[in-house]
């Protein structure tokens, strides 16, 4: 089947060649490092070189495979300066941070095993990744130039990014669509189809080169989280939840890294219902939660960890809190076993919930793809506010995809008078088509803050 074909194509095209200008390579691991430190961060120039090399490899390997998988012979993408749609934004090289004026990209598969053409109909080039295909002195109208190029190739299907369900595949605006169809010869207008499948497959697919980098990127996030949940940052009885949030932001500025969302820090406390946050002061005996994610070399992390603030005389967290985290680890393992190529996110959710509930656990599962976006393209596996089937979970799980295994389990803690406590967990993982492996381990023990 085509899904197996893309796996082989990616491996054949991308596995060769050493990484240039990348973080120190780390192997994927199941257990989180005990004392993670931030790997060396290359210069901006070296980062750009890595981004450009990986982008070129992605274009060479993924585009032909997904166009043939989806049965599309021409894919047209449109973006305007400062209004880049998600797919085009992911195809800009490191020096072209935005589209210029209007940028039109065209992929055309001539068939018969011939290479896919990558063309740009715009006044400026695009990092040597797309061949210029417009001479304004001969055809001043950019849309007519695109229409003439398409008509000369006579594609059977012309894909444009339009989707009511997935934001990643809805990049064609009404104004640009109207201009495009007005310029296109009438017989070709009937050949326009949605590029939804192409957009999702392009964004969700991870390559060997990306996965060689990903453990180091997740390690960076783990290391910063370890600093946040330490006495370096937190003084019990003094430090507030929001001070830890802004410490994250300042620390990332120092490192030259960026978050893709504002970090979260919350407090669960014996005798208090729900999660405390904001100006609440962290106290001994508190169970702390954090949600933190960075973007680096175009890849994203999304991780949630728990910490316990020791009371005077304590050397470990209460057994009920430790068991709560162990329960969430069990739900993670149950969910990982439900991944199968072609299975929908909704099916994986139902199977995982059924097994977890049968085991006496109280789970809530809301996992999602991750990669070029934090909440990435591909099928969702549950939502915190919907544990039933959802249209956004109807898509198929594919091989070579990365995931945030995000969920929680609830448990009554005996040491807290049976209080129901929320044990949130989130770790990044990779599905190779056979098994789901954590990229840089997972938290299996509560972080302790003296």
Foldseek 3Di string as FASTA:
>chain_A
DLLVVLLVLQCVQPVDDDQFLAWDFDFFDAAFDPQFDATDHGDLVSLLVRLQVVLLSLCQRVVVSLCVVVVWFKEKEKAAFVGHAQQVCSNAGPVPNTDYGMKIWMWGDLDPPDGIAIAIQDPDDGPPSHHYQDDCVVPVDSLLSVQVVCVVSVTQAYEAQCDPQDSNRRRDDPVNVVSNCVNHPPVCVVRYDHPQSVSLSSFFFAGPSRLSRVLSQVSNVVNLVLCLQEPVNADAPPDFQVSSQVVSVVVCVVVVWAWPDRKGKWWDAQPDPDTHHDRDGHHAQIKMKMWTKTAGSLFMWTWMAIAHEHDPPDDAHAPLVLVQLVLVVVLLVLLQVLAAFFDWLQSSLVRSVVVSVVVVWAKAWWKAFTTSHRRTRDAINHDNVGSHDDPSRGGGDGANGKMWRWMWIWFQRVVSVGDIDINTTIFMWHGRRPTIGTSNHGDSGHHYYD
